[in-house]
PDB file of all heavy atoms in Angstrom:
ATOM      1  N   GLU A   1     133.374 111.875 257.386  1.00  0.00           N
ATOM      2  CA  GLU A   1     134.597 112.137 258.192  1.00  0.00           C
ATOM      3  C   GLU A   1     135.662 111.026 257.831  1.00  0.00           C
ATOM      4  O   GLU A   1     136.799 111.436 257.699  1.00  0.00           O
ATOM      5  CB  GLU A   1     134.131 111.912 259.632  1.00  0.00           C
ATOM      6  CG  GLU A   1     135.299 112.199 260.610  1.00  0.00           C
ATOM      7  CD  GLU A   1     134.892 112.164 262.003  1.00  0.00           C
ATOM      8  OE1 GLU A   1     133.671 112.067 262.337  1.00  0.00           O
ATOM      9  OE2 GLU A   1     135.756 112.208 262.939  1.00  0.00           O
ATOM     10  N   LYS A   2     135.237 109.831 257.597  1.00  0.00           N
ATOM     11  CA  LYS A   2     136.256 108.810 257.235  1.00  0.00           C
ATOM     12  C   LYS A   2     136.486 108.666 255.718  1.00  0.00           C
ATOM     13  O   LYS A   2     137.383 107.913 255.307  1.00  0.00           O
ATOM     14  CB  LYS A   2     135.800 107.424 257.764  1.00  0.00           C
ATOM     15  CG  LYS A   2     135.729 107.324 259.354  1.00  0.00           C
ATOM     16  CD  LYS A   2     135.264 105.976 259.745  1.00  0.00           C
ATOM     17  CE  LYS A   2     135.182 105.924 261.259  1.00  0.00           C
ATOM     18  NZ  LYS A   2     134.736 104.554 261.699  1.00  0.00           N
ATOM     19  N   VAL A   3     135.624 109.410 254.916  1.00  0.00           N
ATOM     20  CA  VAL A   3     135.710 109.363 253.497  1.00  0.00           C
ATOM     21  C   VAL A   3     135.556 107.961 252.980  1.00  0.00           C
ATOM     22  O   VAL A   3     136.459 107.361 252.346  1.00  0.00           O
ATOM     23  CB  VAL A   3     137.062 110.005 253.012  1.00  0.00           C
ATOM     24  CG1 VAL A   3     136.980 110.289 251.486  1.00  0.00           C
ATOM     25  CG2 VAL A   3     137.388 111.245 253.689  1.00  0.00           C
ATOM     26  N   GLN A   4     134.506 107.284 253.397  1.00  0.00           N
ATOM     27  CA  GLN A   4     134.229 105.939 252.988  1.00  0.00           C
ATOM     28  C   GLN A   4     132.787 105.811 252.462  1.00  0.00           C
ATOM     29  O   GLN A   4     131.876 106.551 252.904  1.00  0.00           O
ATOM     30  CB  GLN A   4     134.294 104.999 254.252  1.00  0.00           C
ATOM     31  CG  GLN A   4     135.740 104.893 254.782  1.00  0.00           C
ATOM     32  CD  GLN A   4     135.825 104.037 256.046  1.00  0.00           C
ATOM     33  OE1 GLN A   4     134.864 103.774 256.597  1.00  0.00           O
ATOM     34  NE2 GLN A   4     137.066 103.663 256.455  1.00  0.00           N
ATOM     35  N   VAL A   5     132.625 104.943 251.513  1.00  0.00           N
ATOM     36  CA  VAL A   5     131.342 104.594 250.946  1.00  0.00           C
ATOM     37  C   VAL A   5     131.030 103.127 251.138  1.00  0.00           C
ATOM     38  O   VAL A   5     131.840 102.276 250.812  1.00  0.00           O
ATOM     39  CB  VAL A   5     131.304 104.949 249.463  1.00  0.00           C
ATOM     40  CG1 VAL A   5     129.892 104.555 248.831  1.00  0.00           C
ATOM     41  CG2 VAL A   5     131.604 106.417 249.143  1.00  0.00           C
ATOM     42  N   SER A   6     129.852 102.794 251.756  1.00  0.00           N
ATOM     43  CA  SER A   6     129.545 101.447 252.096  1.00  0.00           C
ATOM     44  C   SER A   6     128.227 100.961 251.340  1.00  0.00           C
ATOM     45  O   SER A   6     127.320 101.769 251.240  1.00  0.00           O
ATOM     46  CB  SER A   6     129.345 101.352 253.599  1.00  0.00           C
ATOM     47  OG  SER A   6     128.718 100.089 253.901  1.00  0.00           O
ATOM     48  N   ALA A   7     128.281  99.756 250.885  1.00  0.00           N
ATOM     49  CA  ALA A   7     127.126  99.142 250.188  1.00  0.00           C
ATOM     50  C   ALA A   7     126.365  98.182 251.193  1.00  0.00           C
ATOM     51  O   ALA A   7     125.437  97.488 250.784  1.00  0.00           O
ATOM     52  CB  ALA A   7     127.552  98.346 249.005  1.00  0.00           C
ATOM     53  N   ALA A   8     126.672  98.178 252.410  1.00  0.00           N
ATOM     54  CA  ALA A   8     126.096  97.334 253.390  1.00  0.00           C
ATOM     55  C   ALA A   8     124.552  97.266 253.385  1.00  0.00           C
ATOM     56  O   ALA A   8     123.926  96.206 253.339  1.00  0.00           O
ATOM     57  CB  ALA A   8     126.613  97.572 254.815  1.00  0.00           C
ATOM     58  N   LYS A   9     123.963  98.490 253.438  1.00  0.00           N
ATOM     59  CA  LYS A   9     122.484  98.530 253.480  1.00  0.00           C
ATOM     60  C   LYS A   9     121.830  98.039 252.197  1.00  0.00           C
ATOM     61  O   LYS A   9     120.755  97.411 252.207  1.00  0.00           O
ATOM     62  CB  LYS A   9     122.029  99.908 253.788  1.00  0.00           C
ATOM     63  CG  LYS A   9     122.250 100.389 255.277  1.00  0.00           C
ATOM     64  CD  LYS A   9     121.585 101.733 255.583  1.00  0.00           C
ATOM     65  CE  LYS A   9     121.767 102.069 257.044  1.00  0.00           C
ATOM     66  NZ  LYS A   9     121.140 103.463 257.329  1.00  0.00           N
ATOM     67  N   ARG A  10     122.502  98.398 251.088  1.00  0.00           N
ATOM     68  CA  ARG A  10     121.939  97.899 249.786  1.00  0.00           C
ATOM     69  C   ARG A  10     122.020  96.405 249.663  1.00  0.00           C
ATOM     70  O   ARG A  10     121.088  95.725 249.229  1.00  0.00           O
ATOM     71  CB  ARG A  10     122.676  98.589 248.570  1.00  0.00           C
ATOM     72  CG  ARG A  10     122.306 100.065 248.461  1.00  0.00           C
ATOM     73  CD  ARG A  10     123.101 100.655 247.375  1.00  0.00           C
ATOM     74  NE  ARG A  10     122.799 100.185 245.991  1.00  0.00           N
ATOM     75  CZ  ARG A  10     121.913 100.677 245.197  1.00  0.00           C
ATOM     76  NH1 ARG A  10     121.075 101.725 245.627  1.00  0.00           N
ATOM     77  NH2 ARG A  10     121.595 100.145 244.053  1.00  0.00           N
ATOM     78  N   ILE A  11     123.174  95.834 250.080  1.00  0.00           N
ATOM     79  CA  ILE A  11     123.314  94.397 250.063  1.00  0.00           C
ATOM     80  C   ILE A  11     122.358  93.750 250.969  1.00  0.00           C
ATOM     81  O   ILE A  11     121.765  92.639 250.657  1.00  0.00           O
ATOM     82  CB  ILE A  11     124.755  93.985 250.495  1.00  0.00           C
ATOM     83  CG1 ILE A  11     125.738  94.507 249.374  1.00  0.00           C
ATOM     84  CG2 ILE A  11     124.909  92.525 250.656  1.00  0.00           C
ATOM     85  CD1 ILE A  11     127.265  94.396 249.726  1.00  0.00           C
ATOM     86  N   ALA A  12     122.072  94.295 252.176  1.00  0.00           N
ATOM     87  CA  ALA A  12     121.119  93.763 253.087  1.00  0.00           C
ATOM     88  C   ALA A  12     119.758  93.765 252.464  1.00  0.00           C
ATOM     89  O   ALA A  12     118.953  92.802 252.688  1.00  0.00           O
ATOM     90  CB  ALA A  12     121.194  94.511 254.405  1.00  0.00           C
ATOM     91  N   TRP A  13     119.387  94.855 251.791  1.00  0.00           N
ATOM     92  CA  TRP A  13     118.107  94.947 251.108  1.00  0.00           C
ATOM     93  C   TRP A  13     117.944  93.858 250.057  1.00  0.00           C
ATOM     94  O   TRP A  13     116.888  93.179 249.985  1.00  0.00           O
ATOM     95  CB  TRP A  13     117.928  96.248 250.475  1.00  0.00           C
ATOM     96  CG  TRP A  13     116.625  96.497 249.809  1.00  0.00           C
ATOM     97  CD1 TRP A  13     115.515  96.964 250.345  1.00  0.00           C
ATOM     98  CD2 TRP A  13     116.284  96.168 248.417  1.00  0.00           C
ATOM     99  NE1 TRP A  13     114.452  96.943 249.425  1.00  0.00           N
ATOM    100  CE2 TRP A  13     114.950  96.515 248.236  1.00  0.00           C
ATOM    101  CE3 TRP A  13     116.978  95.720 247.348  1.00  0.00           C
ATOM    102  CZ2 TRP A  13     114.282  96.352 247.036  1.00  0.00           C
ATOM    103  CZ3 TRP A  13     116.401  95.578 246.138  1.00  0.00           C
ATOM    104  CH2 TRP A  13     115.004  95.886 245.977  1.00  0.00           C
ATOM    105  N   TRP A  14     118.984  93.617 249.230  1.00  0.00           N
ATOM    106  CA  TRP A  14     118.953  92.529 248.242  1.00  0.00           C
ATOM    107  C   TRP A  14     118.747  91.157 248.888  1.00  0.00           C
ATOM    108  O   TRP A  14     118.099  90.263 248.329  1.00  0.00           O
ATOM    109  CB  TRP A  14     120.236  92.533 247.373  1.00  0.00           C
ATOM    110  CG  TRP A  14     120.289  93.649 246.417  1.00  0.00           C
ATOM    111  CD1 TRP A  14     121.195  94.652 246.360  1.00  0.00           C
ATOM    112  CD2 TRP A  14     119.451  93.798 245.216  1.00  0.00           C
ATOM    113  NE1 TRP A  14     120.923  95.449 245.278  1.00  0.00           N
ATOM    114  CE2 TRP A  14     119.920  94.914 244.596  1.00  0.00           C
ATOM    115  CE3 TRP A  14     118.375  93.040 244.702  1.00  0.00           C
ATOM    116  CZ2 TRP A  14     119.296  95.378 243.343  1.00  0.00           C
ATOM    117  CZ3 TRP A  14     117.815  93.460 243.546  1.00  0.00           C
ATOM    118  CH2 TRP A  14     118.239  94.621 242.906  1.00  0.00           C
ATOM    119  N   GLY A  15     119.253  91.068 250.159  1.00  0.00           N
ATOM    120  CA  GLY A  15     119.026  89.829 250.839  1.00  0.00           C
ATOM    121  C   GLY A  15     117.592  89.514 251.263  1.00  0.00           C
ATOM    122  O   GLY A  15     117.272  88.370 251.571  1.00  0.00           O
ATOM    123  N   THR A  16     116.691  90.507 251.161  1.00  0.00           N
ATOM    124  CA  THR A  16     115.343  90.289 251.467  1.00  0.00           C
ATOM    125  C   THR A  16     114.536  90.045 250.150  1.00  0.00           C
ATOM    126  O   THR A  16     113.243  89.968 250.297  1.00  0.00           O
ATOM    127  CB  THR A  16     114.768  91.571 252.149  1.00  0.00           C
ATOM    128  OG1 THR A  16     114.743  92.684 251.265  1.00  0.00           O
ATOM    129  CG2 THR A  16     115.585  91.867 253.384  1.00  0.00           C
ATOM    130  N   GLN A  17     115.111  89.947 249.036  1.00  0.00           N
ATOM    131  CA  GLN A  17     114.397  89.908 247.810  1.00  0.00           C
ATOM    132  C   GLN A  17     114.272  88.499 247.247  1.00  0.00           C
ATOM    133  O   GLN A  17     113.846  88.327 246.026  1.00  0.00           O
ATOM    134  CB  GLN A  17     115.078  90.823 246.706  1.00  0.00           C
ATOM    135  CG  GLN A  17     115.154  92.279 247.146  1.00  0.00           C
ATOM    136  CD  GLN A  17     113.818  92.850 247.543  1.00  0.00           C
ATOM    137  OE1 GLN A  17     112.938  92.842 246.664  1.00  0.00           O
ATOM    138  NE2 GLN A  17     113.727  93.346 248.754  1.00  0.00           N
ATOM    139  N   HIS A  18     114.487  87.505 248.071  1.00  0.00           N
ATOM    140  CA  HIS A  18     114.328  86.087 247.687  1.00  0.00           C
ATOM    141  C   HIS A  18     115.072  85.725 246.474  1.00  0.00           C
ATOM    142  O   HIS A  18     114.576  85.030 245.567  1.00  0.00           O
ATOM    143  CB  HIS A  18     112.825  85.803 247.508  1.00  0.00           C
ATOM    144  CG  HIS A  18     111.977  86.314 248.665  1.00  0.00           C
ATOM    145  ND1 HIS A  18     112.043  85.736 249.914  1.00  0.00           N
ATOM    146  CD2 HIS A  18     111.031  87.205 248.682  1.00  0.00           C
ATOM    147  CE1 HIS A  18     111.137  86.330 250.720  1.00  0.00           C
ATOM    148  NE2 HIS A  18     110.492  87.247 249.981  1.00  0.00           N
ATOM    149  N   LEU A  19     116.337  86.172 246.408  1.00  0.00           N
ATOM    150  CA  LEU A  19     117.186  85.830 245.257  1.00  0.00           C
ATOM    151  C   LEU A  19     117.912  84.501 245.479  1.00  0.00           C
ATOM    152  O   LEU A  19     118.071  84.038 246.624  1.00  0.00           O
ATOM    153  CB  LEU A  19     118.285  86.897 245.068  1.00  0.00           C
ATOM    154  CG  LEU A  19     117.722  88.332 244.776  1.00  0.00           C
ATOM    155  CD1 LEU A  19     118.984  89.239 244.639  1.00  0.00           C
ATOM    156  CD2 LEU A  19     116.917  88.358 243.515  1.00  0.00           C
ATOM    157  N   SER A  20     118.264  83.778 244.436  1.00  0.00           N
ATOM    158  CA  SER A  20     119.055  82.612 244.594  1.00  0.00           C
ATOM    159  C   SER A  20     120.445  83.009 245.217  1.00  0.00           C
ATOM    160  O   SER A  20     120.878  84.230 245.028  1.00  0.00           O
ATOM    161  CB  SER A  20     119.270  81.906 243.265  1.00  0.00           C
ATOM    162  OG  SER A  20     120.068  82.688 242.384  1.00  0.00           O
ATOM    163  N   GLN A  21     121.160  82.155 245.789  1.00  0.00           N
ATOM    164  CA  GLN A  21     122.463  82.426 246.325  1.00  0.00           C
ATOM    165  C   GLN A  21     123.395  82.932 245.255  1.00  0.00           C
ATOM    166  O   GLN A  21     124.153  83.916 245.504  1.00  0.00           O
ATOM    167  CB  GLN A  21     123.062  81.241 246.984  1.00  0.00           C
ATOM    168  CG  GLN A  21     124.370  81.535 247.771  1.00  0.00           C
ATOM    169  CD  GLN A  21     124.089  82.513 248.904  1.00  0.00           C
ATOM    170  OE1 GLN A  21     123.165  82.379 249.722  1.00  0.00           O
ATOM    171  NE2 GLN A  21     124.897  83.590 248.974  1.00  0.00           N
ATOM    172  N   ALA A  22     123.290  82.374 244.081  1.00  0.00           N
ATOM    173  CA  ALA A  22     124.128  82.881 243.042  1.00  0.00           C
ATOM    174  C   ALA A  22     123.888  84.301 242.604  1.00  0.00           C
ATOM    175  O   ALA A  22     124.780  85.145 242.424  1.00  0.00           O
ATOM    176  CB  ALA A  22     124.016  81.941 241.799  1.00  0.00           C
ATOM    177  N   ASP A  23     122.570  84.642 242.529  1.00  0.00           N
ATOM    178  CA  ASP A  23     122.211  85.996 242.183  1.00  0.00           C
ATOM    179  C   ASP A  23     122.554  87.003 243.328  1.00  0.00           C
ATOM    180  O   ASP A  23     122.935  88.076 243.060  1.00  0.00           O
ATOM    181  CB  ASP A  23     120.688  86.090 241.886  1.00  0.00           C
ATOM    182  CG  ASP A  23     120.316  85.416 240.541  1.00  0.00           C
ATOM    183  OD1 ASP A  23     121.261  85.233 239.697  1.00  0.00           O
ATOM    184  OD2 ASP A  23     119.173  85.080 240.293  1.00  0.00           O
ATOM    185  N   LEU A  24     122.338  86.540 244.531  1.00  0.00           N
ATOM    186  CA  LEU A  24     122.698  87.437 245.666  1.00  0.00           C
ATOM    187  C   LEU A  24     124.206  87.688 245.724  1.00  0.00           C
ATOM    188  O   LEU A  24     124.671  88.807 245.975  1.00  0.00           O
ATOM    189  CB  LEU A  24     122.297  86.736 247.021  1.00  0.00           C
ATOM    190  CG  LEU A  24     122.552  87.535 248.205  1.00  0.00           C
ATOM    191  CD1 LEU A  24     121.920  88.931 248.177  1.00  0.00           C
ATOM    192  CD2 LEU A  24     122.066  86.815 249.468  1.00  0.00           C
TER     193      LEU A  24
END
């Protein structure tokens, strides 16, 4: 409806992968 694409869920998933802050 708004014609928008969001990466929020993917970014949140990467936040659970124990990456360094630089890699995140």
